[in-house]
Amino acid sequence: MSGQVKAKSPKAHTIHICAGGGCISAGEISVKEALENEIKNHNVQDKVDIVETGCFGSCSLGPLMVIYPEGVFYQKLKPSDAKEIVEEHLLKGRVVQRLLYKGPSGEIKPRATEEIPFFTRQVRIATRNLGVIDPASIDEYIAKDGYFALRKALSMTPEMVIEEIKKSGLRGRGGAGFP
């Protein structure tokens, strides 16, 4: 993913599967379970890591995953896709074309996080650790300086906090420019 640190793994493949709210509500848990079952059925557990990440931000494309080291982005996944992903992509090295992102004019983008404006125009700040830390682990978050800003804000007056936010130019994640 553009501008992101990718989790290091001694295994042949690392799968980042979005476990954000949108992907969970679209069936991420079932997709992950099906993927784990297929990996086990093909006895390749020692070659593949599955990492649940926080939200990628493209909820309408979920459930979604990125498979490294290739960086291939699969979207709108269903549990029934797991077998084909394991057999074709993980075992044979062939990208599953039908699960790739298709742009407005129908062009296929296998590395969507590096090829479509939704991702390439982002400067990841709050989500810079996507795929690096477990989003459910407060200890991993703190180890990556999580809550540093909170610690600073607690030592400030409310007026100082407001002024700091105004100076930062910080806007809502949705890009609508809400202060």
Protein backbone atom coordinates (compact mmCIF):
# COMPACT_ATOMS: atom_id res chain seq x y z
CA MET A 1 0.00 0.00 0.00
CA SER A 2 1.32 3.34 -0.92
CA GLY A 3 3.13 5.08 1.93
CA GLN A 4 2.62 2.22 4.36
CA VAL A 5 4.98 -0.06 6.15
CA LYS A 6 4.15 -3.64 5.32
CA ALA A 7 4.29 -6.26 8.04
CA LYS A 8 7.36 -8.44 7.70
CA SER A 9 6.80 -12.18 7.52
CA PRO A 10 9.15 -15.09 6.93
CA LYS A 11 6.30 -16.81 5.13
CA ALA A 12 5.74 -16.81 1.36
CA HIS A 13 2.54 -14.76 1.59
CA THR A 14 0.98 -12.36 4.05
CA ILE A 15 -2.70 -11.62 3.61
CA HIS A 16 -4.01 -8.36 5.03
CA ILE A 17 -7.76 -8.73 5.42
CA CYS A 18 -9.76 -5.67 6.40
CA ALA A 19 -11.49 -6.09 9.77
CA GLY A 20 -12.99 -2.62 9.84
CA GLY A 21 -16.67 -2.19 10.65
CA GLY A 22 -17.78 -1.99 7.01
CA CYS A 23 -15.95 -5.17 6.01
CA ILE A 24 -17.11 -7.03 9.11
CA SER A 25 -20.74 -6.14 8.35
CA ALA A 26 -20.20 -7.28 4.74
CA GLY A 27 -18.98 -10.71 5.89
CA GLU A 28 -15.23 -10.42 6.60
CA ILE A 29 -15.33 -12.97 9.42
CA SER A 30 -16.88 -15.64 7.18
CA VAL A 31 -14.35 -14.87 4.43
CA LYS A 32 -11.45 -15.12 6.89
CA GLU A 33 -12.74 -18.42 8.30
CA ALA A 34 -13.19 -19.87 4.79
CA LEU A 35 -9.68 -18.73 3.86
CA GLU A 36 -8.21 -20.31 7.00
CA ASN A 37 -10.04 -23.57 6.24
CA GLU A 38 -8.77 -23.64 2.63
CA ILE A 39 -5.22 -22.89 3.75
CA LYS A 40 -5.47 -25.75 6.23
CA ASN A 41 -7.08 -28.07 3.63
CA HIS A 42 -4.14 -27.44 1.30
CA ASN A 43 -1.66 -27.79 4.18
CA VAL A 44 0.05 -24.43 3.56
CA GLN A 45 -0.37 -22.90 7.03
CA ASP A 46 3.42 -22.66 7.34
CA LYS A 47 3.58 -20.55 4.15
CA VAL A 48 0.77 -18.03 4.73
CA ASP A 49 0.07 -15.45 7.42
CA ILE A 50 -3.38 -13.88 7.73
CA VAL A 51 -3.35 -10.48 9.41
CA GLU A 52 -6.61 -8.74 10.28
CA THR A 53 -6.14 -5.02 9.83
CA GLY A 54 -8.09 -1.93 10.69
CA CYS A 55 -10.25 -0.21 8.10
CA PHE A 56 -8.77 0.41 4.65
CA GLY A 57 -11.32 3.19 4.17
CA SER A 58 -12.98 1.77 1.06
CA CYS A 59 -15.94 0.14 2.76
CA SER A 60 -18.00 -0.16 -0.42
CA LEU A 61 -15.40 -2.61 -1.77
CA GLY A 62 -15.43 -4.94 1.21
CA PRO A 63 -14.76 -7.45 2.35
CA LEU A 64 -11.34 -6.88 0.90
CA MET A 65 -7.78 -8.10 1.24
CA VAL A 66 -4.29 -7.42 -0.05
CA ILE A 67 -1.92 -10.32 -0.62
CA TYR A 68 1.80 -9.64 -0.22
CA PRO A 69 4.50 -9.70 -1.42
CA GLU A 70 2.70 -8.96 -4.71
CA GLY A 71 0.37 -6.33 -3.24
CA VAL A 72 -2.64 -7.75 -5.09
CA PHE A 73 -5.92 -6.17 -3.97
CA TYR A 74 -9.04 -8.35 -3.95
CA GLN A 75 -12.48 -6.84 -3.35
CA LYS A 76 -16.10 -7.76 -2.62
CA LEU A 77 -15.08 -11.16 -1.36
CA LYS A 78 -17.36 -14.03 -0.40
CA PRO A 79 -16.46 -17.18 1.53
CA SER A 80 -16.83 -19.13 -1.73
CA ASP A 81 -13.87 -17.15 -3.18
CA ALA A 82 -11.42 -18.59 -0.63
CA LYS A 83 -10.81 -21.86 -2.48
CA GLU A 84 -9.97 -20.09 -5.75
CA ILE A 85 -7.68 -17.58 -4.01
CA VAL A 86 -5.75 -20.35 -2.29
CA GLU A 87 -5.55 -22.67 -5.30
CA GLU A 88 -4.86 -20.05 -7.95
CA HIS A 89 -3.03 -17.20 -6.23
CA LEU A 90 -1.27 -18.81 -3.29
CA LEU A 91 -0.42 -22.17 -4.86
CA LYS A 92 -0.07 -21.37 -8.57
CA GLY A 93 0.88 -17.69 -8.46
CA ARG A 94 -2.00 -16.66 -10.72
CA VAL A 95 -4.02 -13.57 -9.88
CA VAL A 96 -7.79 -14.16 -9.66
CA GLN A 97 -8.84 -11.53 -12.22
CA ARG A 98 -12.55 -11.51 -11.43
CA LEU A 99 -11.89 -10.33 -7.85
CA LEU A 100 -9.72 -7.35 -8.80
CA TYR A 101 -10.77 -3.71 -8.64
CA LYS A 102 -12.17 -2.39 -11.90
CA GLY A 103 -11.94 1.34 -12.52
CA PRO A 104 -14.72 3.54 -13.91
CA SER A 105 -13.90 2.66 -17.51
CA GLY A 106 -13.53 -1.06 -16.73
CA GLU A 107 -9.74 -1.14 -16.45
CA ILE A 108 -8.42 -3.75 -14.02
CA LYS A 109 -6.20 -2.59 -11.17
CA PRO A 110 -4.42 -5.53 -9.50
CA ARG A 111 -2.52 -3.21 -7.16
CA ALA A 112 -5.46 -0.92 -6.44
CA THR A 113 -3.94 0.58 -3.30
CA GLU A 114 -1.13 1.92 -5.48
CA GLU A 115 -3.13 2.60 -8.65
CA ILE A 116 -6.45 4.25 -7.83
CA PRO A 117 -6.88 7.84 -6.70
CA PHE A 118 -8.90 6.90 -3.61
CA PHE A 119 -5.73 5.42 -2.11
CA THR A 120 -2.93 7.29 -3.88
CA ARG A 121 -4.19 10.72 -2.86
CA GLN A 122 -4.24 9.79 0.83
CA VAL A 123 -1.60 10.70 3.35
CA ARG A 124 -2.09 8.05 5.96
CA ILE A 125 -1.67 9.43 9.44
CA ALA A 126 -4.20 7.79 11.72
CA THR A 127 -4.08 4.60 9.61
CA ARG A 128 -0.32 4.47 9.01
CA ASN A 129 -0.02 1.30 11.12
CA LEU A 130 -2.60 -0.60 9.07
CA GLY A 131 -1.31 -4.17 8.83
CA VAL A 132 1.59 -3.41 11.17
CA ILE A 133 -0.18 -3.60 14.52
CA ASP A 134 -3.14 -5.64 15.68
CA PRO A 135 -6.05 -3.17 15.80
CA ALA A 136 -7.47 -5.02 18.81
CA SER A 137 -4.25 -4.74 20.87
CA ILE A 138 -3.90 -1.62 22.98
CA ASP A 139 -0.37 -2.71 23.95
CA GLU A 140 0.76 -2.78 20.30
CA TYR A 141 -0.83 0.63 19.76
CA ILE A 142 0.93 2.13 22.78
CA ALA A 143 4.23 0.57 21.63
CA LYS A 144 3.85 2.57 18.38
CA ASP A 145 3.36 5.84 20.33
CA GLY A 146 -0.41 5.51 20.52
CA TYR A 147 -1.98 8.00 22.93
CA PHE A 148 1.05 10.30 22.67
CA ALA A 149 -1.19 13.17 21.55
CA LEU A 150 -3.67 12.43 24.32
CA ARG A 151 -0.89 12.61 26.90
CA LYS A 152 0.12 15.99 25.46
CA ALA A 153 -3.48 17.27 25.34
CA LEU A 154 -4.09 16.34 28.98
CA SER A 155 -1.29 18.70 30.00
CA MET A 156 -2.90 21.60 28.08
CA THR A 157 -5.81 23.90 28.83
CA PRO A 158 -8.96 23.47 26.71
CA GLU A 159 -8.14 26.73 24.92
CA MET A 160 -4.63 25.48 24.08
CA VAL A 161 -6.08 22.23 22.67
CA ILE A 162 -8.52 24.15 20.46
CA GLU A 163 -5.74 26.42 19.20
CA GLU A 164 -3.47 23.42 18.48
CA ILE A 165 -6.19 21.74 16.41
CA LYS A 166 -6.88 24.95 14.48
CA LYS A 167 -3.16 25.38 13.70
CA SER A 168 -2.87 21.76 12.55
CA GLY A 169 -5.43 22.12 9.74
CA LEU A 170 -6.80 18.72 10.81
CA ARG A 171 -9.95 17.67 8.94
CA GLY A 172 -12.36 14.78 9.21
CA ARG A 173 -11.25 11.45 7.71
CA GLY A 174 -14.06 11.56 5.17
CA GLY A 175 -12.42 14.52 3.49
CA ALA A 176 -15.50 16.72 3.75
CA GLY A 177 -13.48 19.38 5.53
CA PHE A 178 -15.32 19.30 8.82
CA PRO A 179 -13.28 21.07 11.51
